[in-house]
C-alpha atoms as a PDB file:
ATOM      1  CA  MET A   1     109.326 106.586 112.423  1.00  0.00           C
ATOM      2  CA  PRO A   2     109.780 109.601 110.578  1.00  0.00           C
ATOM      3  CA  LYS A   3     107.221 110.371 107.826  1.00  0.00           C
ATOM      4  CA  TYR A   4     109.280 109.420 104.915  1.00  0.00           C
ATOM      5  CA  CYS A   5     110.261 105.951 106.556  1.00  0.00           C
ATOM      6  CA  GLU A   6     106.661 105.201 106.935  1.00  0.00           C
ATOM      7  CA  LYS A   7     106.238 105.849 102.919  1.00  0.00           C
ATOM      8  CA  CYS A   8     108.775 102.895 102.474  1.00  0.00           C
ATOM      9  CA  TYR A   9     106.333 100.524 102.974  1.00  0.00           C
ATOM     10  CA  GLN A  10     103.864 101.257 100.214  1.00  0.00           C
ATOM     11  CA  SER A  11     103.820  98.112  98.135  1.00  0.00           C
ATOM     12  CA  LYS A  12     103.462 100.482  94.739  1.00  0.00           C
ATOM     13  CA  PRO A  13     105.687 102.923  94.180  1.00  0.00           C
ATOM     14  CA  VAL A  14     103.139 106.086  93.743  1.00  0.00           C
ATOM     15  CA  GLN A  15     105.211 108.160  91.541  1.00  0.00           C
ATOM     16  CA  VAL A  16     104.483 105.344  88.932  1.00  0.00           C
ATOM     17  CA  LEU A  17     101.287 104.629  89.628  1.00  0.00           C
ATOM     18  CA  ARG A  18     100.152 108.642  88.881  1.00  0.00           C
ATOM     19  CA  SER A  19     102.650 108.772  86.069  1.00  0.00           C
ATOM     20  CA  ALA A  20     100.974 105.668  84.587  1.00  0.00           C
ATOM     21  CA  GLY A  21      97.326 106.016  85.537  1.00  0.00           C
ATOM     22  CA  LEU A  22      97.382 102.398  86.801  1.00  0.00           C
ATOM     23  CA  PRO A  23      97.308 100.773  89.857  1.00  0.00           C
ATOM     24  CA  GLU A  24      99.301  98.402  88.475  1.00  0.00           C
ATOM     25  CA  HIS A  25     102.406  97.856  90.295  1.00  0.00           C
ATOM     26  CA  HIS A  26     106.184  98.866  88.465  1.00  0.00           C
ATOM     27  CA  PRO A  27     109.766  98.672  90.437  1.00  0.00           C
ATOM     28  CA  ALA A  28     111.101 102.263  91.271  1.00  0.00           C
ATOM     29  CA  ARG A  29     114.554 102.902  90.664  1.00  0.00           C
ATOM     30  CA  LEU A  30     117.092 105.089  92.800  1.00  0.00           C
ATOM     31  CA  ARG A  31     119.395 107.339  91.430  1.00  0.00           C
ATOM     32  CA  PRO A  32     122.722 107.939  93.516  1.00  0.00           C
ATOM     33  CA  ALA A  33     125.320 110.207  92.863  1.00  0.00           C
ATOM     34  CA  GLY A  34     128.929 108.621  93.227  1.00  0.00           C
ATOM     35  CA  ALA A  35     132.306 109.824  92.846  1.00  0.00           C
ATOM     36  CA  GLU A  36     135.668 107.759  92.266  1.00  0.00           C
ATOM     37  CA  GLN A  37     137.322 107.346  95.539  1.00  0.00           C
ATOM     38  CA  ARG A  38     141.084 108.411  92.914  1.00  0.00           C
ATOM     39  CA  HIS A  39     139.051 111.828  92.224  1.00  0.00           C
ATOM     40  CA  CYS A  40     137.565 112.598  95.344  1.00  0.00           C
ATOM     41  CA  ASP A  41     141.299 111.808  97.057  1.00  0.00           C
ATOM     42  CA  GLY A  42     142.452 114.705  94.782  1.00  0.00           C
ATOM     43  CA  LEU A  43     140.383 117.038  96.394  1.00  0.00           C
ATOM     44  CA  SER A  44     141.260 119.443  99.472  1.00  0.00           C
ATOM     45  CA  GLU A  45     140.240 118.867 102.482  1.00  0.00           C
ATOM     46  CA  ASP A  46     138.157 121.620 102.606  1.00  0.00           C
ATOM     47  CA  GLU A  47     136.641 120.606  98.893  1.00  0.00           C
ATOM     48  CA  GLN A  48     135.799 117.336 100.365  1.00  0.00           C
ATOM     49  CA  ALA A  49     134.218 118.992 103.196  1.00  0.00           C
ATOM     50  CA  ILE A  50     132.413 121.247 100.903  1.00  0.00           C
ATOM     51  CA  ILE A  51     130.875 118.368  98.769  1.00  0.00           C
ATOM     52  CA  LEU A  52     129.918 116.490 101.955  1.00  0.00           C
ATOM     53  CA  GLU A  53     128.078 119.605 103.243  1.00  0.00           C
ATOM     54  CA  VAL A  54     125.967 120.382  99.625  1.00  0.00           C
ATOM     55  CA  ALA A  55     125.063 116.568  99.288  1.00  0.00           C
ATOM     56  CA  ALA A  56     123.655 116.157 102.938  1.00  0.00           C
ATOM     57  CA  GLU A  57     121.554 119.297 101.971  1.00  0.00           C
ATOM     58  CA  ALA A  58     120.704 117.733  98.688  1.00  0.00           C
ATOM     59  CA  VAL A  59     119.344 114.416 100.524  1.00  0.00           C
ATOM     60  CA  ALA A  60     117.732 116.303 103.327  1.00  0.00           C
ATOM     61  CA  MET A  61     115.952 118.767  99.874  1.00  0.00           C
ATOM     62  CA  GLN A  62     115.219 115.659  97.621  1.00  0.00           C
ATOM     63  CA  ARG A  63     113.533 114.072 100.469  1.00  0.00           C
ATOM     64  CA  GLU A  64     111.171 116.635 101.412  1.00  0.00           C
ATOM     65  CA  LEU A  65     110.164 117.344  98.421  1.00  0.00           C
ATOM     66  CA  SER A  66     109.721 113.701  97.604  1.00  0.00           C
ATOM     67  CA  ILE A  67     107.392 113.420 100.500  1.00  0.00           C
ATOM     68  CA  GLU A  68     105.005 116.664  99.237  1.00  0.00           C
ATOM     69  CA  LYS A  69     104.793 115.341  95.609  1.00  0.00           C
ATOM     70  CA  GLU A  70     104.260 112.098  97.094  1.00  0.00           C
ATOM     71  CA  ASP A  71     101.700 113.217  99.895  1.00  0.00           C
ATOM     72  CA  GLU A  72      99.848 114.995  96.065  1.00  0.00           C
ATOM     73  CA  MET A  73     100.117 112.116  94.402  1.00  0.00           C
ATOM     74  CA  ILE A  74      98.545 110.040  96.850  1.00  0.00           C
ATOM     75  CA  ALA A  75      95.904 113.031  96.836  1.00  0.00           C
ATOM     76  CA  ALA A  76      94.994 112.676  93.364  1.00  0.00           C
ATOM     77  CA  LEU A  77      95.191 108.959  93.544  1.00  0.00           C
ATOM     78  CA  GLU A  78      92.246 109.073  96.309  1.00  0.00           C
ATOM     79  CA  ALA A  79      90.596 111.877  94.481  1.00  0.00           C
ATOM     80  CA  VAL A  80      89.973 109.115  91.555  1.00  0.00           C
ATOM     81  CA  GLY A  81      89.216 106.437  93.521  1.00  0.00           C
ATOM     82  CA  MET A  82      92.227 104.723  94.821  1.00  0.00           C
ATOM     83  CA  THR A  83      92.140 103.641  98.552  1.00  0.00           C
ATOM     84  CA  VAL A  84      95.390 103.906  99.687  1.00  0.00           C
ATOM     85  CA  ASN A  85      96.230 101.746 103.075  1.00  0.00           C
ATOM     86  CA  ARG A  86      97.780 104.333 105.250  1.00  0.00           C
ATOM     87  CA  ASP A  87      97.534 101.833 108.333  1.00  0.00           C
ATOM     88  CA  VAL A  88     101.146 100.031 108.064  1.00  0.00           C
ATOM     89  CA  ASP A  89     102.957  98.190 110.693  1.00  0.00           C
ATOM     90  CA  GLY A  90     106.166  99.304 110.070  1.00  0.00           C
ATOM     91  CA  ALA A  91     107.998  97.629 112.939  1.00  0.00           C
ATOM     92  CA  ALA A  92     106.512  94.271 111.439  1.00  0.00           C
ATOM     93  CA  PHE A  93     107.894  94.776 107.702  1.00  0.00           C
ATOM     94  CA  GLN A  94     111.565  94.893 109.085  1.00  0.00           C
ATOM     95  CA  VAL A  95     111.014  91.861 111.159  1.00  0.00           C
ATOM     96  CA  ALA A  96     109.522  90.497 108.175  1.00  0.00           C
ATOM     97  CA  VAL A  97     112.025  91.604 105.689  1.00  0.00           C
ATOM     98  CA  LYS A  98     114.809  90.994 108.224  1.00  0.00           C
ATOM     99  CA  PRO A  99     115.948  87.727 107.117  1.00  0.00           C
ATOM    100  CA  VAL A 100     116.045  88.274 103.744  1.00  0.00           C
ATOM    101  CA  TRP A 101     118.753  91.259 105.191  1.00  0.00           C
ATOM    102  CA  GLU A 102     120.454  89.107 106.690  1.00  0.00           C
ATOM    103  CA  ALA A 103     120.488  86.525 104.165  1.00  0.00           C
ATOM    104  CA  PHE A 104     121.641  89.845 101.679  1.00  0.00           C
ATOM    105  CA  ILE A 105     124.255  90.603 103.797  1.00  0.00           C
ATOM    106  CA  GLU A 106     126.442  87.230 104.033  1.00  0.00           C
ATOM    107  CA  ALA A 107     126.184  86.964 100.283  1.00  0.00           C
END
């Protein structure tokens, strides 16, 4: 499993922990980019291709930078005494949450 996916199983968002200075759970929020379909439809095929290409590059760069920053923040939290569990069974987690995802998809 890629490093990025392994980090999805943390119970506490590291960025929030580090910025708050506390080992408490706080929700993380994604910031997706989007555009209305009618706007995209008004672009030429070349313009649409450029936007999709650049968006894919931006996603890859954001994930890489996020992993790097998260590693730095984890190291800082460990340096002040926090224990970080890196032995997470991602496959078991996926099996455990599968019914939740299925219920969400059916809703």
